Amino acid sequence: MGWIKAICTADIAAGECQGVELNGIEIAIYNVDGRFHATSNICTHQKAYLTEGYLDGEFIECPLHQGRFNVVTGDADGAPVTQPVRVFPIVVEGTDVLIDVGNES
């Protein structure tokens, strides 16, 4: 599908996250100390929006049952979540944050 501009780097401060919808896919974008990462915005356990949770370094905590995911790898990291969350390729070009929703990494 190719790269799609999702946001500008200034839209998300370090330590914050933001949800966007690209081509009908709910995506969470995270700024971890100036490095941007993207995952599905939907928890694999009970379908809550991850961006409503708490970002702690490279981990997002689901607001519903406090399960955690690594935002870099997508790995589940704490009960009750057991299934990883989808990770999307992401690049920064200048001030644009681009995501490829057509590929899983």
PDB file of N, CA and C in Angstrom:
ATOM      1  N   MET A   1       0.819  -1.188   0.000  1.00  0.00           N
ATOM      2  CA  MET A   1       0.000   0.000   0.000  1.00  0.00           C
ATOM      3  C   MET A   1       0.861   1.248   0.000  1.00  0.00           C
ATOM      4  N   GLY A   2       2.010   1.226   0.647  1.00  0.00           N
ATOM      5  CA  GLY A   2       2.890   2.376   0.662  1.00  0.00           C
ATOM      6  C   GLY A   2       2.749   3.215   1.915  1.00  0.00           C
ATOM      7  N   TRP A   3       3.600   4.194   2.005  1.00  0.00           N
ATOM      8  CA  TRP A   3       3.677   5.046   3.186  1.00  0.00           C
ATOM      9  C   TRP A   3       2.593   6.110   3.164  1.00  0.00           C
ATOM     10  N   ILE A   4       1.956   6.318   4.318  1.00  0.00           N
ATOM     11  CA  ILE A   4       0.900   7.314   4.471  1.00  0.00           C
ATOM     12  C   ILE A   4       1.291   8.247   5.610  1.00  0.00           C
ATOM     13  N   LYS A   5       1.180   9.561   5.362  1.00  0.00           N
ATOM     14  CA  LYS A   5       1.449  10.512   6.440  1.00  0.00           C
ATOM     15  C   LYS A   5       0.355  10.380   7.491  1.00  0.00           C
ATOM     16  N   ALA A   6       0.779  10.163   8.736  1.00  0.00           N
ATOM     17  CA  ALA A   6      -0.169   9.993   9.834  1.00  0.00           C
ATOM     18  C   ALA A   6      -0.302  11.264  10.664  1.00  0.00           C
ATOM     19  N   ILE A   7       0.821  11.839  11.037  1.00  0.00           N
ATOM     20  CA  ILE A   7       0.858  13.027  11.893  1.00  0.00           C
ATOM     21  C   ILE A   7       2.162  13.773  11.635  1.00  0.00           C
ATOM     22  N   CYS A   8       2.354  14.871  12.342  1.00  0.00           N
ATOM     23  CA  CYS A   8       3.636  15.577  12.382  1.00  0.00           C
ATOM     24  C   CYS A   8       4.310  15.251  13.714  1.00  0.00           C
ATOM     25  N   THR A   9       5.630  15.298  13.731  1.00  0.00           N
ATOM     26  CA  THR A   9       6.357  14.964  14.954  1.00  0.00           C
ATOM     27  C   THR A   9       5.944  15.849  16.126  1.00  0.00           C
ATOM     28  N   ALA A  10       5.599  17.097  15.863  1.00  0.00           N
ATOM     29  CA  ALA A  10       5.213  18.027  16.934  1.00  0.00           C
ATOM     30  C   ALA A  10       3.857  17.689  17.544  1.00  0.00           C
ATOM     31  N   ASP A  11       3.091  16.802  16.908  1.00  0.00           N
ATOM     32  CA  ASP A  11       1.756  16.456  17.403  1.00  0.00           C
ATOM     33  C   ASP A  11       1.779  15.582  18.656  1.00  0.00           C
ATOM     34  N   ILE A  12       2.907  14.897  18.903  1.00  0.00           N
ATOM     35  CA  ILE A  12       2.996  13.992  20.053  1.00  0.00           C
ATOM     36  C   ILE A  12       4.273  14.293  20.826  1.00  0.00           C
ATOM     37  N   ALA A  13       4.134  14.752  22.043  1.00  0.00           N
ATOM     38  CA  ALA A  13       5.292  15.023  22.902  1.00  0.00           C
ATOM     39  C   ALA A  13       5.924  13.704  23.343  1.00  0.00           C
ATOM     40  N   ALA A  14       7.189  13.749  23.721  1.00  0.00           N
ATOM     41  CA  ALA A  14       7.873  12.564  24.241  1.00  0.00           C
ATOM     42  C   ALA A  14       7.097  12.006  25.429  1.00  0.00           C
ATOM     43  N   GLY A  15       6.925  10.691  25.442  1.00  0.00           N
ATOM     44  CA  GLY A  15       6.197  10.035  26.517  1.00  0.00           C
ATOM     45  C   GLY A  15       4.695  10.005  26.321  1.00  0.00           C
ATOM     46  N   GLU A  16       4.231  10.436  25.153  1.00  0.00           N
ATOM     47  CA  GLU A  16       2.795  10.482  24.867  1.00  0.00           C
ATOM     48  C   GLU A  16       2.454   9.560  23.698  1.00  0.00           C
ATOM     49  N   CYS A  17       1.159   9.339  23.491  1.00  0.00           N
ATOM     50  CA  CYS A  17       0.689   8.555  22.357  1.00  0.00           C
ATOM     51  C   CYS A  17      -0.570   9.196  21.807  1.00  0.00           C
ATOM     52  N   GLN A  18      -0.872   8.826  20.564  1.00  0.00           N
ATOM     53  CA  GLN A  18      -2.048   9.392  19.896  1.00  0.00           C
ATOM     54  C   GLN A  18      -2.619   8.356  18.945  1.00  0.00           C
ATOM     55  N   GLY A  19      -3.929   8.291  18.872  1.00  0.00           N
ATOM     56  CA  GLY A  19      -4.591   7.384  17.950  1.00  0.00           C
ATOM     57  C   GLY A  19      -4.933   8.070  16.645  1.00  0.00           C
ATOM     58  N   VAL A  20      -4.801   7.327  15.551  1.00  0.00           N
ATOM     59  CA  VAL A  20      -5.200   7.802  14.230  1.00  0.00           C
ATOM     60  C   VAL A  20      -5.896   6.648  13.517  1.00  0.00           C
ATOM     61  N   GLU A  21      -6.656   6.979  12.489  1.00  0.00           N
ATOM     62  CA  GLU A  21      -7.245   5.953  11.632  1.00  0.00           C
ATOM     63  C   GLU A  21      -6.703   6.153  10.232  1.00  0.00           C
ATOM     64  N   LEU A  22      -6.073   5.116   9.697  1.00  0.00           N
ATOM     65  CA  LEU A  22      -5.533   5.153   8.344  1.00  0.00           C
ATOM     66  C   LEU A  22      -6.109   3.990   7.556  1.00  0.00           C
ATOM     67  N   ASN A  23      -6.759   4.284   6.460  1.00  0.00           N
ATOM     68  CA  ASN A  23      -7.371   3.247   5.619  1.00  0.00           C
ATOM     69  C   ASN A  23      -8.254   2.301   6.428  1.00  0.00           C
ATOM     70  N   GLY A  24      -9.003   2.854   7.383  1.00  0.00           N
ATOM     71  CA  GLY A  24      -9.918   2.057   8.180  1.00  0.00           C
ATOM     72  C   GLY A  24      -9.280   1.261   9.298  1.00  0.00           C
ATOM     73  N   ILE A  25      -7.990   1.471   9.538  1.00  0.00           N
ATOM     74  CA  ILE A  25      -7.274   0.741  10.584  1.00  0.00           C
ATOM     75  C   ILE A  25      -6.975   1.692  11.736  1.00  0.00           C
ATOM     76  N   GLU A  26      -7.355   1.288  12.953  1.00  0.00           N
ATOM     77  CA  GLU A  26      -7.074   2.081  14.155  1.00  0.00           C
ATOM     78  C   GLU A  26      -5.620   1.844  14.565  1.00  0.00           C
ATOM     79  N   ILE A  27      -4.829   2.914  14.591  1.00  0.00           N
ATOM     80  CA  ILE A  27      -3.399   2.820  14.868  1.00  0.00           C
ATOM     81  C   ILE A  27      -3.046   3.729  16.034  1.00  0.00           C
ATOM     82  N   ALA A  28      -2.169   3.236  16.902  1.00  0.00           N
ATOM     83  CA  ALA A  28      -1.615   4.032  17.996  1.00  0.00           C
ATOM     84  C   ALA A  28      -0.188   4.409  17.619  1.00  0.00           C
ATOM     85  N   ILE A  29       0.134   5.689  17.766  1.00  0.00           N
ATOM     86  CA  ILE A  29       1.492   6.170  17.512  1.00  0.00           C
ATOM     87  C   ILE A  29       2.064   6.635  18.842  1.00  0.00           C
ATOM     88  N   TYR A  30       3.295   6.210  19.124  1.00  0.00           N
ATOM     89  CA  TYR A  30       3.945   6.490  20.399  1.00  0.00           C
ATOM     90  C   TYR A  30       5.232   7.272  20.158  1.00  0.00           C
ATOM     91  N   ASN A  31       5.502   8.240  21.023  1.00  0.00           N
ATOM     92  CA  ASN A  31       6.777   8.947  21.018  1.00  0.00           C
ATOM     93  C   ASN A  31       7.526   8.508  22.268  1.00  0.00           C
ATOM     94  N   VAL A  32       8.523   7.653  22.066  1.00  0.00           N
ATOM     95  CA  VAL A  32       9.335   7.150  23.170  1.00  0.00           C
ATOM     96  C   VAL A  32      10.690   7.845  23.091  1.00  0.00           C
ATOM     97  N   ASP A  33      10.841   8.906  23.864  1.00  0.00           N
ATOM     98  CA  ASP A  33      12.095   9.673  23.897  1.00  0.00           C
ATOM     99  C   ASP A  33      12.544  10.106  22.508  1.00  0.00           C
ATOM    100  N   GLY A  34      11.609  10.586  21.700  1.00  0.00           N
ATOM    101  CA  GLY A  34      11.932  11.081  20.367  1.00  0.00           C
ATOM    102  C   GLY A  34      11.941  10.023  19.279  1.00  0.00           C
ATOM    103  N   ARG A  35      11.740   8.767  19.644  1.00  0.00           N
ATOM    104  CA  ARG A  35      11.636   7.676  18.664  1.00  0.00           C
ATOM    105  C   ARG A  35      10.162   7.318  18.530  1.00  0.00           C
ATOM    106  N   PHE A  36       9.703   7.225  17.296  1.00  0.00           N
ATOM    107  CA  PHE A  36       8.281   6.969  17.052  1.00  0.00           C
ATOM    108  C   PHE A  36       8.051   5.501  16.719  1.00  0.00           C
ATOM    109  N   HIS A  37       6.947   4.964  17.245  1.00  0.00           N
ATOM    110  CA  HIS A  37       6.558   3.574  17.034  1.00  0.00           C
ATOM    111  C   HIS A  37       5.061   3.543  16.764  1.00  0.00           C
ATOM    112  N   ALA A  38       4.600   2.490  16.074  1.00  0.00           N
ATOM    113  CA  ALA A  38       3.178   2.375  15.745  1.00  0.00           C
ATOM    114  C   ALA A  38       2.713   0.934  15.925  1.00  0.00           C
ATOM    115  N   THR A  39       1.558   0.797  16.580  1.00  0.00           N
ATOM    116  CA  THR A  39       0.920  -0.508  16.740  1.00  0.00           C
ATOM    117  C   THR A  39      -0.563  -0.356  16.430  1.00  0.00           C
ATOM    118  N   SER A  40      -1.246  -1.481  16.381  1.00  0.00           N
ATOM    119  CA  SER A  40      -2.704  -1.425  16.379  1.00  0.00           C
ATOM    120  C   SER A  40      -3.123  -0.694  17.647  1.00  0.00           C
ATOM    121  N   ASN A  41      -4.189   0.075  17.572  1.00  0.00           N
ATOM    122  CA  ASN A  41      -4.674   0.792  18.749  1.00  0.00           C
ATOM    123  C   ASN A  41      -5.661  -0.049  19.559  1.00  0.00           C
ATOM    124  N   ILE A  42      -5.887  -1.287  19.139  1.00  0.00           N
ATOM    125  CA  ILE A  42      -6.893  -2.133  19.776  1.00  0.00           C
ATOM    126  C   ILE A  42      -6.217  -3.255  20.566  1.00  0.00           C
ATOM    127  N   CYS A  43      -6.524  -3.336  21.859  1.00  0.00           N
ATOM    128  CA  CYS A  43      -5.976  -4.389  22.712  1.00  0.00           C
ATOM    129  C   CYS A  43      -6.448  -5.756  22.213  1.00  0.00           C
ATOM    130  N   THR A  44      -5.555  -6.726  22.216  1.00  0.00           N
ATOM    131  CA  THR A  44      -5.900  -8.073  21.753  1.00  0.00           C
ATOM    132  C   THR A  44      -6.708  -8.854  22.789  1.00  0.00           C
ATOM    133  N   HIS A  45      -6.863  -8.323  23.972  1.00  0.00           N
ATOM    134  CA  HIS A  45      -7.606  -9.024  25.028  1.00  0.00           C
ATOM    135  C   HIS A  45      -9.089  -8.664  25.022  1.00  0.00           C
ATOM    136  N   GLN A  46      -9.409  -7.371  25.204  1.00  0.00           N
ATOM    137  CA  GLN A  46     -10.812  -6.967  25.295  1.00  0.00           C
ATOM    138  C   GLN A  46     -11.158  -5.783  24.398  1.00  0.00           C
ATOM    139  N   LYS A  47     -10.336  -5.521  23.410  1.00  0.00           N
ATOM    140  CA  LYS A  47     -10.636  -4.527  22.363  1.00  0.00           C
ATOM    141  C   LYS A  47     -10.685  -3.073  22.840  1.00  0.00           C
ATOM    142  N   ALA A  48     -10.028  -2.748  23.941  1.00  0.00           N
ATOM    143  CA  ALA A  48      -9.957  -1.358  24.406  1.00  0.00           C
ATOM    144  C   ALA A  48      -8.959  -0.577  23.552  1.00  0.00           C
ATOM    145  N   TYR A  49      -9.121   0.751  23.521  1.00  0.00           N
ATOM    146  CA  TYR A  49      -8.164   1.607  22.817  1.00  0.00           C
ATOM    147  C   TYR A  49      -6.909   1.763  23.667  1.00  0.00           C
ATOM    148  N   LEU A  50      -5.772   1.337  23.126  1.00  0.00           N
ATOM    149  CA  LEU A  50      -4.522   1.411  23.878  1.00  0.00           C
ATOM    150  C   LEU A  50      -4.113   2.848  24.178  1.00  0.00           C
ATOM    151  N   THR A  51      -4.461   3.779  23.298  1.00  0.00           N
ATOM    152  CA  THR A  51      -4.080   5.173  23.525  1.00  0.00           C
ATOM    153  C   THR A  51      -4.796   5.787  24.724  1.00  0.00           C
ATOM    154  N   GLU A  52      -5.781   5.107  25.267  1.00  0.00           N
ATOM    155  CA  GLU A  52      -6.430   5.572  26.492  1.00  0.00           C
ATOM    156  C   GLU A  52      -5.724   5.026  27.730  1.00  0.00           C
ATOM    157  N   GLY A  53      -4.660   4.245  27.493  1.00  0.00           N
ATOM    158  CA  GLY A  53      -3.888   3.665  28.587  1.00  0.00           C
ATOM    159  C   GLY A  53      -2.706   4.536  28.970  1.00  0.00           C
ATOM    160  N   TYR A  54      -1.750   3.936  29.663  1.00  0.00           N
ATOM    161  CA  TYR A  54      -0.596   4.637  30.211  1.00  0.00           C
ATOM    162  C   TYR A  54       0.669   4.165  29.509  1.00  0.00           C
ATOM    163  N   LEU A  55       1.420   5.098  28.907  1.00  0.00           N
ATOM    164  CA  LEU A  55       2.685   4.781  28.249  1.00  0.00           C
ATOM    165  C   LEU A  55       3.805   4.932  29.261  1.00  0.00           C
ATOM    166  N   ASP A  56       4.544   3.848  29.483  1.00  0.00           N
ATOM    167  CA  ASP A  56       5.659   3.822  30.425  1.00  0.00           C
ATOM    168  C   ASP A  56       6.889   3.328  29.685  1.00  0.00           C
ATOM    169  N   GLY A  57       7.700   4.260  29.192  1.00  0.00           N
ATOM    170  CA  GLY A  57       8.852   3.877  28.385  1.00  0.00           C
ATOM    171  C   GLY A  57       8.383   3.204  27.110  1.00  0.00           C
ATOM    172  N   GLU A  58       8.850   1.981  26.867  1.00  0.00           N
ATOM    173  CA  GLU A  58       8.477   1.237  25.660  1.00  0.00           C
ATOM    174  C   GLU A  58       7.235   0.366  25.861  1.00  0.00           C
ATOM    175  N   PHE A  59       6.497   0.574  26.952  1.00  0.00           N
ATOM    176  CA  PHE A  59       5.337  -0.257  27.245  1.00  0.00           C
ATOM    177  C   PHE A  59       4.077   0.586  27.365  1.00  0.00           C
ATOM    178  N   ILE A  60       3.013   0.099  26.717  1.00  0.00           N
ATOM    179  CA  ILE A  60       1.698   0.726  26.859  1.00  0.00           C
ATOM    180  C   ILE A  60       0.846  -0.208  27.715  1.00  0.00           C
ATOM    181  N   GLU A  61       0.186   0.377  28.710  1.00  0.00           N
ATOM    182  CA  GLU A  61      -0.683  -0.394  29.592  1.00  0.00           C
ATOM    183  C   GLU A  61      -2.127  -0.175  29.171  1.00  0.00           C
ATOM    184  N   CYS A  62      -2.824  -1.256  28.887  1.00  0.00           N
ATOM    185  CA  CYS A  62      -4.223  -1.176  28.484  1.00  0.00           C
ATOM    186  C   CYS A  62      -5.060  -0.577  29.618  1.00  0.00           C
ATOM    187  N   PRO A  63      -5.971   0.344  29.286  1.00  0.00           N
ATOM    188  CA  PRO A  63      -6.766   0.979  30.333  1.00  0.00           C
ATOM    189  C   PRO A  63      -7.818   0.062  30.961  1.00  0.00           C
ATOM    190  N   LEU A  64      -8.127  -1.043  30.310  1.00  0.00           N
ATOM    191  CA  LEU A  64      -9.222  -1.888  30.783  1.00  0.00           C
ATOM    192  C   LEU A  64      -8.803  -2.856  31.889  1.00  0.00           C
ATOM    193  N   HIS A  65      -7.748  -3.635  31.639  1.00  0.00           N
ATOM    194  CA  HIS A  65      -7.316  -4.635  32.621  1.00  0.00           C
ATOM    195  C   HIS A  65      -5.827  -4.560  32.932  1.00  0.00           C
ATOM    196  N   GLN A  66      -5.165  -3.499  32.516  1.00  0.00           N
ATOM    197  CA  GLN A  66      -3.763  -3.220  32.819  1.00  0.00           C
ATOM    198  C   GLN A  66      -2.763  -4.215  32.235  1.00  0.00           C
ATOM    199  N   GLY A  67      -3.163  -4.964  31.217  1.00  0.00           N
ATOM    200  CA  GLY A  67      -2.194  -5.760  30.481  1.00  0.00           C
ATOM    201  C   GLY A  67      -1.260  -4.817  29.733  1.00  0.00           C
ATOM    202  N   ARG A  68      -0.042  -5.260  29.453  1.00  0.00           N
ATOM    203  CA  ARG A  68       0.940  -4.377  28.813  1.00  0.00           C
ATOM    204  C   ARG A  68       1.451  -4.975  27.504  1.00  0.00           C
ATOM    205  N   PHE A  69       1.818  -4.065  26.596  1.00  0.00           N
ATOM    206  CA  PHE A  69       2.433  -4.438  25.329  1.00  0.00           C
ATOM    207  C   PHE A  69       3.704  -3.630  25.140  1.00  0.00           C
ATOM    208  N   ASN A  70       4.711  -4.260  24.552  1.00  0.00           N
ATOM    209  CA  ASN A  70       5.911  -3.545  24.145  1.00  0.00           C
ATOM    210  C   ASN A  70       5.582  -2.845  22.834  1.00  0.00           C
ATOM    211  N   VAL A  71       5.717  -1.518  22.775  1.00  0.00           N
ATOM    212  CA  VAL A  71       5.319  -0.777  21.577  1.00  0.00           C
ATOM    213  C   VAL A  71       6.327  -0.924  20.445  1.00  0.00           C
ATOM    214  N   VAL A  72       7.527  -1.419  20.744  1.00  0.00           N
ATOM    215  CA  VAL A  72       8.543  -1.634  19.710  1.00  0.00           C
ATOM    216  C   VAL A  72       8.323  -2.972  19.020  1.00  0.00           C
ATOM    217  N   THR A  73       8.093  -4.022  19.811  1.00  0.00           N
ATOM    218  CA  THR A  73       7.970  -5.375  19.264  1.00  0.00           C
ATOM    219  C   THR A  73       6.531  -5.858  19.134  1.00  0.00           C
ATOM    220  N   GLY A  74       5.614  -5.253  19.892  1.00  0.00           N
ATOM    221  CA  GLY A  74       4.227  -5.698  19.923  1.00  0.00           C
ATOM    222  C   GLY A  74       3.968  -6.823  20.903  1.00  0.00           C
ATOM    223  N   ASP A  75       5.021  -7.340  21.544  1.00  0.00           N
ATOM    224  CA  ASP A  75       4.877  -8.476  22.445  1.00  0.00           C
ATOM    225  C   ASP A  75       3.982  -8.158  23.636  1.00  0.00           C
ATOM    226  N   ALA A  76       3.154  -9.131  24.010  1.00  0.00           N
ATOM    227  CA  ALA A  76       2.349  -9.034  25.226  1.00  0.00           C
ATOM    228  C   ALA A  76       3.282  -9.168  26.418  1.00  0.00           C
ATOM    229  N   ASP A  77       3.059  -8.351  27.449  1.00  0.00           N
ATOM    230  CA  ASP A  77       3.969  -8.330  28.595  1.00  0.00           C
ATOM    231  C   ASP A  77       3.172  -8.167  29.883  1.00  0.00           C
ATOM    232  N   GLY A  78       2.374  -9.132  30.213  1.00  0.00           N
ATOM    233  CA  GLY A  78       1.644  -9.073  31.473  1.00  0.00           C
ATOM    234  C   GLY A  78       0.191  -9.455  31.321  1.00  0.00           C
ATOM    235  N   ALA A  79      -0.239 -10.313  32.224  1.00  0.00           N
ATOM    236  CA  ALA A  79      -1.625 -10.771  32.220  1.00  0.00           C
ATOM    237  C   ALA A  79      -2.559  -9.572  32.372  1.00  0.00           C
ATOM    238  N   PRO A  80      -3.706  -9.656  31.751  1.00  0.00           N
ATOM    239  CA  PRO A  80      -4.305 -10.823  31.111  1.00  0.00           C
ATOM    240  C   PRO A  80      -3.996 -10.952  29.617  1.00  0.00           C
ATOM    241  N   VAL A  81      -3.197 -10.041  29.040  1.00  0.00           N
ATOM    242  CA  VAL A  81      -2.932 -10.142  27.600  1.00  0.00           C
ATOM    243  C   VAL A  81      -1.933 -11.255  27.321  1.00  0.00           C
ATOM    244  N   THR A  82      -2.211 -12.039  26.280  1.00  0.00           N
ATOM    245  CA  THR A  82      -1.322 -13.125  25.886  1.00  0.00           C
ATOM    246  C   THR A  82      -0.945 -13.048  24.416  1.00  0.00           C
ATOM    247  N   GLN A  83      -1.755 -12.381  23.606  1.00  0.00           N
ATOM    248  CA  GLN A  83      -1.500 -12.263  22.175  1.00  0.00           C
ATOM    249  C   GLN A  83      -0.825 -10.925  21.879  1.00  0.00           C
ATOM    250  N   PRO A  84       0.188 -10.926  21.009  1.00  0.00           N
ATOM    251  CA  PRO A  84       0.855  -9.666  20.673  1.00  0.00           C
ATOM    252  C   PRO A  84      -0.076  -8.731  19.910  1.00  0.00           C
ATOM    253  N   VAL A  85       0.281  -7.471  19.905  1.00  0.00           N
ATOM    254  CA  VAL A  85      -0.445  -6.464  19.146  1.00  0.00           C
ATOM    255  C   VAL A  85       0.333  -6.222  17.847  1.00  0.00           C
ATOM    256  N   ARG A  86      -0.374  -5.941  16.777  1.00  0.00           N
ATOM    257  CA  ARG A  86       0.264  -5.716  15.481  1.00  0.00           C
ATOM    258  C   ARG A  86       1.138  -4.458  15.515  1.00  0.00           C
ATOM    259  N   VAL A  87       2.329  -4.564  14.941  1.00  0.00           N
ATOM    260  CA  VAL A  87       3.266  -3.449  14.823  1.00  0.00           C
ATOM    261  C   VAL A  87       3.319  -3.026  13.362  1.00  0.00           C
ATOM    262  N   PHE A  88       3.331  -1.720  13.123  1.00  0.00           N
ATOM    263  CA  PHE A  88       3.394  -1.183  11.767  1.00  0.00           C
ATOM    264  C   PHE A  88       4.740  -0.525  11.512  1.00  0.00           C
ATOM    265  N   PRO A  89       5.284  -0.689  10.294  1.00  0.00           N
ATOM    266  CA  PRO A  89       6.503   0.037   9.932  1.00  0.00           C
ATOM    267  C   PRO A  89       6.244   1.537   9.988  1.00  0.00           C
ATOM    268  N   ILE A  90       7.209   2.277  10.501  1.00  0.00           N
ATOM    269  CA  ILE A  90       7.057   3.720  10.677  1.00  0.00           C
ATOM    270  C   ILE A  90       8.386   4.399  10.362  1.00  0.00           C
ATOM    271  N   VAL A  91       8.328   5.537   9.691  1.00  0.00           N
ATOM    272  CA  VAL A  91       9.522   6.340   9.416  1.00  0.00           C
ATOM    273  C   VAL A  91       9.182   7.804   9.649  1.00  0.00           C
ATOM    274  N   VAL A  92      10.215   8.571   9.942  1.00  0.00           N
ATOM    275  CA  VAL A  92      10.069  10.017  10.075  1.00  0.00           C
ATOM    276  C   VAL A  92      10.858  10.654   8.945  1.00  0.00           C
ATOM    277  N   GLU A  93      10.177  11.489   8.161  1.00  0.00           N
ATOM    278  CA  GLU A  93      10.816  12.247   7.083  1.00  0.00           C
ATOM    279  C   GLU A  93      10.598  13.719   7.376  1.00  0.00           C
ATOM    280  N   GLY A  94      11.651  14.390   7.805  1.00  0.00           N
ATOM    281  CA  GLY A  94      11.510  15.778   8.221  1.00  0.00           C
ATOM    282  C   GLY A  94      10.645  15.827   9.463  1.00  0.00           C
ATOM    283  N   THR A  95       9.493  16.484   9.361  1.00  0.00           N
ATOM    284  CA  THR A  95       8.560  16.542  10.499  1.00  0.00           C
ATOM    285  C   THR A  95       7.349  15.632  10.296  1.00  0.00           C
ATOM    286  N   ASP A  96       7.340  14.868   9.211  1.00  0.00           N
ATOM    287  CA  ASP A  96       6.224  13.971   8.906  1.00  0.00           C
ATOM    288  C   ASP A  96       6.479  12.569   9.454  1.00  0.00           C
ATOM    289  N   VAL A  97       5.470  12.003  10.102  1.00  0.00           N
ATOM    290  CA  VAL A  97       5.522  10.623  10.572  1.00  0.00           C
ATOM    291  C   VAL A  97       4.699   9.796   9.593  1.00  0.00           C
ATOM    292  N   LEU A  98       5.357   8.846   8.930  1.00  0.00           N
ATOM    293  CA  LEU A  98       4.728   8.027   7.895  1.00  0.00           C
ATOM    294  C   LEU A  98       4.599   6.585   8.375  1.00  0.00           C
ATOM    295  N   ILE A  99       3.479   5.966   8.042  1.00  0.00           N
ATOM    296  CA  ILE A  99       3.218   4.582   8.434  1.00  0.00           C
ATOM    297  C   ILE A  99       2.818   3.789   7.201  1.00  0.00           C
ATOM    298  N   ASP A 100       3.298   2.543   7.129  1.00  0.00           N
ATOM    299  CA  ASP A 100       2.899   1.625   6.064  1.00  0.00           C
ATOM    300  C   ASP A 100       1.890   0.649   6.650  1.00  0.00           C
ATOM    301  N   VAL A 101       0.608   0.866   6.370  1.00  0.00           N
ATOM    302  CA  VAL A 101      -0.441   0.014   6.939  1.00  0.00           C
ATOM    303  C   VAL A 101      -0.610  -1.294   6.180  1.00  0.00           C
ATOM    304  N   GLY A 102       0.067  -1.431   5.048  1.00  0.00           N
ATOM    305  CA  GLY A 102      -0.086  -2.626   4.238  1.00  0.00           C
ATOM    306  C   GLY A 102       0.831  -3.758   4.613  1.00  0.00           C
ATOM    307  N   ASN A 103       1.763  -3.516   5.519  1.00  0.00           N
ATOM    308  CA  ASN A 103       2.736  -4.537   5.890  1.00  0.00           C
ATOM    309  C   ASN A 103       2.791  -4.693   7.396  1.00  0.00           C
ATOM    310  N   GLU A 104       2.995  -5.926   7.840  1.00  0.00           N
ATOM    311  CA  GLU A 104       3.245  -6.178   9.262  1.00  0.00           C
ATOM    312  C   GLU A 104       4.734  -6.346   9.436  1.00  0.00           C
ATOM    313  N   SER A 105       5.217  -5.928  10.580  1.00  0.00           N
ATOM    314  CA  SER A 105       6.633  -6.171  10.879  1.00  0.00           C
ATOM    315  C   SER A 105       6.738  -6.989  12.137  1.00  0.00           C
TER     316      SER A 105
END
